[in-house]
Amino acid sequence: MEFKKEIPDFKERRNEFERILNNHPNKIPIILEPAKKTKNAITIKQNKFLVPKLFTFHEFLFQVRKRVGLSSGESLYVAVAGFYFPSLDRTMMSIYDEFKDSDGFLYVNFSSEAVWG
């Protein structure tokens, strides 16, 4: 289920973000969700990530692949804010600063197939 549908109230999501930030000031809160157009075979039980601000996008992808349980031969497509494909050496903090949602979370979509055209 989408995080915004799970917690539809903006203030409640914002309060959760602030609670997380107070407990983990050096981490970035990320919500990982399947891409909307996907017929994904990949499932993920835990869709919330806290990553160090200086993690690169490559390090984040490694954590996602590990959590999802993908083998090295399986593809994973990831887009930030539904449309942006960051370079692998970009820091998560720079991505967060540019693409965070107004509720404070960074939303990242994933798919095992190319669905963004």
N, C-alpha and C. Protein backbone atom coordinates (compact mmCIF):
# COMPACT_ATOMS: atom_id res chain seq x y z
N MET A 1 0.84 -1.19 0.00
CA MET A 1 0.00 0.00 0.00
C MET A 1 0.88 1.25 0.00
N GLU A 2 0.44 2.26 -0.71
CA GLU A 2 1.17 3.52 -0.76
C GLU A 2 1.15 4.19 0.61
N PHE A 3 2.28 4.75 0.99
CA PHE A 3 2.43 5.40 2.29
C PHE A 3 1.43 6.54 2.46
N LYS A 4 1.21 7.33 1.41
CA LYS A 4 0.27 8.45 1.50
C LYS A 4 -1.17 7.98 1.62
N LYS A 5 -1.46 6.78 1.14
CA LYS A 5 -2.80 6.21 1.32
C LYS A 5 -2.92 5.57 2.70
N GLU A 6 -1.82 5.01 3.16
CA GLU A 6 -1.78 4.39 4.48
C GLU A 6 -1.95 5.45 5.57
N ILE A 7 -1.31 6.60 5.38
CA ILE A 7 -1.43 7.73 6.30
C ILE A 7 -1.85 8.95 5.47
N PRO A 8 -3.14 9.09 5.17
CA PRO A 8 -3.59 10.15 4.26
C PRO A 8 -3.47 11.56 4.84
N ASP A 9 -3.46 11.69 6.16
CA ASP A 9 -3.41 13.00 6.78
C ASP A 9 -1.98 13.57 6.72
N PHE A 10 -1.83 14.71 6.05
CA PHE A 10 -0.52 15.33 5.88
C PHE A 10 0.14 15.61 7.23
N LYS A 11 -0.61 16.16 8.17
CA LYS A 11 -0.04 16.50 9.48
C LYS A 11 0.50 15.26 10.19
N GLU A 12 -0.21 14.16 10.06
CA GLU A 12 0.24 12.91 10.69
C GLU A 12 1.55 12.43 10.06
N ARG A 13 1.64 12.51 8.73
CA ARG A 13 2.89 12.13 8.05
C ARG A 13 4.02 13.07 8.45
N ARG A 14 3.72 14.35 8.51
CA ARG A 14 4.73 15.35 8.90
C ARG A 14 5.20 15.10 10.33
N ASN A 15 4.27 14.78 11.23
CA ASN A 15 4.63 14.48 12.62
C ASN A 15 5.52 13.24 12.69
N GLU A 16 5.22 12.23 11.88
CA GLU A 16 6.06 11.04 11.86
C GLU A 16 7.46 11.38 11.37
N PHE A 17 7.54 12.21 10.33
CA PHE A 17 8.84 12.65 9.83
C PHE A 17 9.63 13.37 10.93
N GLU A 18 8.98 14.29 11.63
CA GLU A 18 9.67 15.05 12.68
C GLU A 18 10.12 14.15 13.82
N ARG A 19 9.33 13.15 14.16
CA ARG A 19 9.71 12.19 15.20
C ARG A 19 10.96 11.42 14.76
N ILE A 20 10.95 10.97 13.51
CA ILE A 20 12.10 10.24 12.97
C ILE A 20 13.34 11.13 12.96
N LEU A 21 13.18 12.37 12.53
CA LEU A 21 14.30 13.31 12.47
C LEU A 21 14.88 13.58 13.85
N ASN A 22 14.02 13.70 14.85
CA ASN A 22 14.49 13.91 16.23
C ASN A 22 15.30 12.73 16.73
N ASN A 23 14.87 11.52 16.39
CA ASN A 23 15.56 10.31 16.85
C ASN A 23 16.79 9.97 16.01
N HIS A 24 16.80 10.40 14.75
CA HIS A 24 17.88 10.05 13.81
C HIS A 24 18.27 11.29 12.99
N PRO A 25 18.90 12.29 13.63
CA PRO A 25 19.16 13.55 12.92
C PRO A 25 20.15 13.43 11.75
N ASN A 26 20.94 12.39 11.70
CA ASN A 26 21.93 12.23 10.62
C ASN A 26 21.49 11.25 9.55
N LYS A 27 20.19 10.95 9.53
CA LYS A 27 19.67 10.00 8.55
C LYS A 27 18.60 10.66 7.69
N ILE A 28 18.37 10.06 6.53
CA ILE A 28 17.34 10.53 5.60
C ILE A 28 16.21 9.50 5.57
N PRO A 29 14.97 9.94 5.82
CA PRO A 29 13.83 9.01 5.77
C PRO A 29 13.33 8.83 4.34
N ILE A 30 13.33 7.58 3.90
CA ILE A 30 12.95 7.27 2.52
C ILE A 30 11.79 6.29 2.52
N ILE A 31 10.82 6.53 1.66
CA ILE A 31 9.71 5.61 1.45
C ILE A 31 9.90 4.98 0.08
N LEU A 32 10.01 3.67 0.05
CA LEU A 32 10.22 2.92 -1.19
C LEU A 32 8.92 2.24 -1.58
N GLU A 33 8.42 2.55 -2.78
CA GLU A 33 7.14 2.01 -3.24
C GLU A 33 7.25 1.51 -4.67
N PRO A 34 6.43 0.52 -5.04
CA PRO A 34 6.43 0.05 -6.43
C PRO A 34 5.99 1.17 -7.37
N ALA A 35 6.56 1.19 -8.55
CA ALA A 35 6.14 2.16 -9.57
C ALA A 35 4.68 1.91 -9.91
N LYS A 36 3.95 2.96 -10.22
CA LYS A 36 2.51 2.85 -10.46
C LYS A 36 2.14 1.95 -11.63
N LYS A 37 2.91 1.97 -12.71
CA LYS A 37 2.55 1.21 -13.91
C LYS A 37 3.12 -0.21 -13.93
N THR A 38 3.75 -0.62 -12.87
CA THR A 38 4.45 -1.90 -12.89
C THR A 38 3.53 -3.08 -12.62
N LYS A 39 3.90 -4.20 -13.18
CA LYS A 39 3.26 -5.47 -12.85
C LYS A 39 4.31 -6.27 -12.10
N ASN A 40 4.84 -5.67 -11.07
CA ASN A 40 6.01 -6.13 -10.35
C ASN A 40 5.87 -7.51 -9.76
N ALA A 41 6.89 -8.30 -9.97
CA ALA A 41 7.00 -9.58 -9.28
C ALA A 41 7.75 -9.37 -7.97
N ILE A 42 8.39 -8.21 -7.84
CA ILE A 42 9.15 -7.90 -6.63
C ILE A 42 8.20 -7.40 -5.56
N THR A 43 8.34 -7.94 -4.38
CA THR A 43 7.58 -7.44 -3.24
C THR A 43 8.56 -7.03 -2.16
N ILE A 44 8.15 -6.06 -1.38
CA ILE A 44 8.99 -5.61 -0.27
C ILE A 44 8.09 -5.42 0.94
N LYS A 45 8.46 -6.05 2.04
CA LYS A 45 7.63 -5.98 3.24
C LYS A 45 7.87 -4.69 4.01
N GLN A 46 9.11 -4.31 4.13
CA GLN A 46 9.46 -3.09 4.86
C GLN A 46 9.84 -2.01 3.86
N ASN A 47 8.99 -1.01 3.72
CA ASN A 47 9.22 0.00 2.68
C ASN A 47 9.83 1.30 3.20
N LYS A 48 10.19 1.33 4.46
CA LYS A 48 10.79 2.54 5.03
C LYS A 48 12.29 2.31 5.24
N PHE A 49 13.07 3.28 4.80
CA PHE A 49 14.52 3.23 4.95
C PHE A 49 15.00 4.46 5.69
N LEU A 50 16.01 4.29 6.50
CA LEU A 50 16.76 5.41 7.06
C LEU A 50 18.20 5.21 6.60
N VAL A 51 18.70 6.14 5.82
CA VAL A 51 20.06 5.99 5.30
C VAL A 51 20.91 7.18 5.73
N PRO A 52 22.20 6.96 5.93
CA PRO A 52 23.09 8.08 6.26
C PRO A 52 23.07 9.13 5.16
N LYS A 53 23.19 10.38 5.56
CA LYS A 53 23.14 11.49 4.61
C LYS A 53 24.23 11.40 3.54
N LEU A 54 25.37 10.83 3.90
CA LEU A 54 26.49 10.77 2.95
C LEU A 54 26.52 9.49 2.12
N PHE A 55 25.52 8.64 2.30
CA PHE A 55 25.39 7.46 1.42
C PHE A 55 25.31 7.95 -0.02
N THR A 56 25.92 7.22 -0.92
CA THR A 56 25.71 7.51 -2.34
C THR A 56 24.45 6.78 -2.80
N PHE A 57 23.95 7.19 -3.95
CA PHE A 57 22.78 6.51 -4.50
C PHE A 57 23.11 5.04 -4.76
N HIS A 58 24.34 4.75 -5.14
CA HIS A 58 24.78 3.37 -5.36
C HIS A 58 24.67 2.55 -4.07
N GLU A 59 25.10 3.12 -2.94
CA GLU A 59 25.01 2.42 -1.66
C GLU A 59 23.55 2.17 -1.28
N PHE A 60 22.70 3.16 -1.54
CA PHE A 60 21.27 2.99 -1.28
C PHE A 60 20.70 1.85 -2.12
N LEU A 61 21.04 1.82 -3.42
CA LEU A 61 20.55 0.75 -4.30
C LEU A 61 21.01 -0.62 -3.81
N PHE A 62 22.23 -0.70 -3.31
CA PHE A 62 22.73 -1.96 -2.77
C PHE A 62 21.86 -2.41 -1.61
N GLN A 63 21.49 -1.49 -0.72
CA GLN A 63 20.63 -1.82 0.41
C GLN A 63 19.24 -2.26 -0.05
N VAL A 64 18.71 -1.60 -1.06
CA VAL A 64 17.40 -1.97 -1.60
C VAL A 64 17.45 -3.37 -2.19
N ARG A 65 18.47 -3.63 -3.00
CA ARG A 65 18.61 -4.96 -3.63
C ARG A 65 18.71 -6.04 -2.56
N LYS A 66 19.44 -5.74 -1.49
CA LYS A 66 19.61 -6.70 -0.40
C LYS A 66 18.27 -6.95 0.30
N ARG A 67 17.54 -5.88 0.58
CA ARG A 67 16.27 -6.03 1.29
C ARG A 67 15.23 -6.74 0.43
N VAL A 68 15.23 -6.46 -0.86
CA VAL A 68 14.28 -7.08 -1.78
C VAL A 68 14.68 -8.53 -2.09
N GLY A 69 15.97 -8.81 -1.99
CA GLY A 69 16.45 -10.17 -2.24
C GLY A 69 16.70 -10.47 -3.70
N LEU A 70 17.13 -9.46 -4.46
CA LEU A 70 17.41 -9.66 -5.88
C LEU A 70 18.79 -10.26 -6.08
N SER A 71 18.89 -11.14 -7.04
CA SER A 71 20.20 -11.67 -7.42
C SER A 71 20.89 -10.66 -8.32
N SER A 72 22.18 -10.85 -8.55
CA SER A 72 22.92 -9.90 -9.37
C SER A 72 22.44 -9.88 -10.82
N GLY A 73 21.78 -10.95 -11.28
CA GLY A 73 21.28 -11.00 -12.65
C GLY A 73 19.91 -10.38 -12.85
N GLU A 74 19.25 -10.00 -11.78
CA GLU A 74 17.91 -9.41 -11.88
C GLU A 74 18.00 -7.89 -11.94
N SER A 75 17.15 -7.30 -12.77
CA SER A 75 17.15 -5.85 -12.95
C SER A 75 16.34 -5.17 -11.87
N LEU A 76 16.76 -3.96 -11.55
CA LEU A 76 16.03 -3.11 -10.62
C LEU A 76 16.08 -1.70 -11.17
N TYR A 77 14.92 -1.11 -11.41
CA TYR A 77 14.82 0.26 -11.90
C TYR A 77 14.28 1.10 -10.75
N VAL A 78 14.94 2.22 -10.50
CA VAL A 78 14.57 3.06 -9.36
C VAL A 78 14.49 4.51 -9.83
N ALA A 79 13.39 5.18 -9.46
CA ALA A 79 13.20 6.60 -9.80
C ALA A 79 12.85 7.37 -8.53
N VAL A 80 13.48 8.51 -8.37
CA VAL A 80 13.20 9.38 -7.23
C VAL A 80 12.08 10.33 -7.63
N ALA A 81 11.13 10.51 -6.72
CA ALA A 81 9.99 11.41 -6.95
C ALA A 81 9.22 11.03 -8.20
N GLY A 82 9.29 9.77 -8.60
CA GLY A 82 8.50 9.26 -9.72
C GLY A 82 9.07 9.48 -11.10
N PHE A 83 10.21 10.23 -11.21
CA PHE A 83 10.70 10.53 -12.56
C PHE A 83 12.21 10.69 -12.68
N TYR A 84 12.93 10.88 -11.60
CA TYR A 84 14.34 11.23 -11.68
C TYR A 84 15.22 10.01 -11.42
N PHE A 85 16.21 9.80 -12.29
CA PHE A 85 17.16 8.70 -12.15
C PHE A 85 18.53 9.28 -11.80
N PRO A 86 18.89 9.32 -10.52
CA PRO A 86 20.16 9.95 -10.12
C PRO A 86 21.39 9.18 -10.59
N SER A 87 22.50 9.91 -10.70
CA SER A 87 23.76 9.23 -10.98
C SER A 87 24.17 8.46 -9.73
N LEU A 88 24.88 7.38 -9.91
CA LEU A 88 25.22 6.48 -8.80
C LEU A 88 26.12 7.12 -7.76
N ASP A 89 26.90 8.13 -8.13
CA ASP A 89 27.81 8.74 -7.18
C ASP A 89 27.22 9.94 -6.43
N ARG A 90 26.00 10.27 -6.73
CA ARG A 90 25.34 11.40 -6.06
C ARG A 90 24.99 11.01 -4.63
N THR A 91 25.17 11.95 -3.67
CA THR A 91 24.84 11.63 -2.28
C THR A 91 23.33 11.68 -2.07
N MET A 92 22.88 10.88 -1.13
CA MET A 92 21.46 10.86 -0.82
C MET A 92 21.01 12.21 -0.27
N MET A 93 21.90 12.92 0.43
CA MET A 93 21.54 14.23 0.96
C MET A 93 21.26 15.21 -0.17
N SER A 94 22.06 15.19 -1.22
CA SER A 94 21.81 16.12 -2.33
C SER A 94 20.52 15.77 -3.06
N ILE A 95 20.24 14.48 -3.18
CA ILE A 95 18.98 14.03 -3.80
C ILE A 95 17.81 14.45 -2.92
N TYR A 96 17.96 14.21 -1.61
CA TYR A 96 16.91 14.57 -0.66
C TYR A 96 16.62 16.07 -0.70
N ASP A 97 17.66 16.88 -0.68
CA ASP A 97 17.48 18.34 -0.70
C ASP A 97 16.70 18.80 -1.92
N GLU A 98 16.90 18.14 -3.03
CA GLU A 98 16.25 18.55 -4.28
C GLU A 98 14.84 17.97 -4.46
N PHE A 99 14.61 16.75 -3.94
CA PHE A 99 13.37 16.04 -4.29
C PHE A 99 12.48 15.64 -3.11
N LYS A 100 12.80 16.05 -1.89
CA LYS A 100 11.97 15.64 -0.75
C LYS A 100 10.55 16.18 -0.91
N ASP A 101 9.62 15.42 -0.40
CA ASP A 101 8.21 15.82 -0.43
C ASP A 101 7.96 16.85 0.67
N SER A 102 6.87 17.58 0.58
CA SER A 102 6.55 18.58 1.60
C SER A 102 6.29 17.95 2.96
N ASP A 103 6.00 16.64 3.01
CA ASP A 103 5.83 15.98 4.31
C ASP A 103 7.17 15.60 4.94
N GLY A 104 8.28 15.81 4.21
CA GLY A 104 9.60 15.55 4.74
C GLY A 104 10.24 14.26 4.27
N PHE A 105 9.46 13.36 3.70
CA PHE A 105 10.00 12.08 3.24
C PHE A 105 10.48 12.19 1.80
N LEU A 106 11.43 11.33 1.46
CA LEU A 106 11.87 11.20 0.07
C LEU A 106 11.19 9.95 -0.48
N TYR A 107 10.41 10.11 -1.55
CA TYR A 107 9.68 8.99 -2.13
C TYR A 107 10.46 8.43 -3.32
N VAL A 108 10.69 7.12 -3.29
CA VAL A 108 11.45 6.44 -4.32
C VAL A 108 10.60 5.29 -4.85
N ASN A 109 10.46 5.21 -6.17
CA ASN A 109 9.68 4.14 -6.81
C ASN A 109 10.62 3.13 -7.43
N PHE A 110 10.21 1.86 -7.40
CA PHE A 110 11.05 0.81 -7.97
C PHE A 110 10.23 -0.12 -8.83
N SER A 111 10.92 -0.80 -9.73
CA SER A 111 10.29 -1.78 -10.60
C SER A 111 11.35 -2.76 -11.07
N SER A 112 10.90 -3.93 -11.46
CA SER A 112 11.82 -4.91 -12.04
C SER A 112 11.78 -4.83 -13.56
N GLU A 113 11.01 -3.89 -14.07
CA GLU A 113 10.89 -3.70 -15.52
C GLU A 113 10.92 -2.20 -15.81
N ALA A 114 11.34 -1.83 -17.00
CA ALA A 114 11.38 -0.41 -17.38
C ALA A 114 9.96 0.07 -17.65
N VAL A 115 9.43 0.92 -16.77
CA VAL A 115 8.06 1.40 -16.93
C VAL A 115 7.99 2.91 -17.15
N TRP A 116 9.13 3.57 -17.19
CA TRP A 116 9.13 5.03 -17.31
C TRP A 116 9.34 5.50 -18.74
N GLY A 117 9.43 4.58 -19.68
CA GLY A 117 9.52 4.96 -21.08
C GLY A 117 10.90 5.23 -21.59
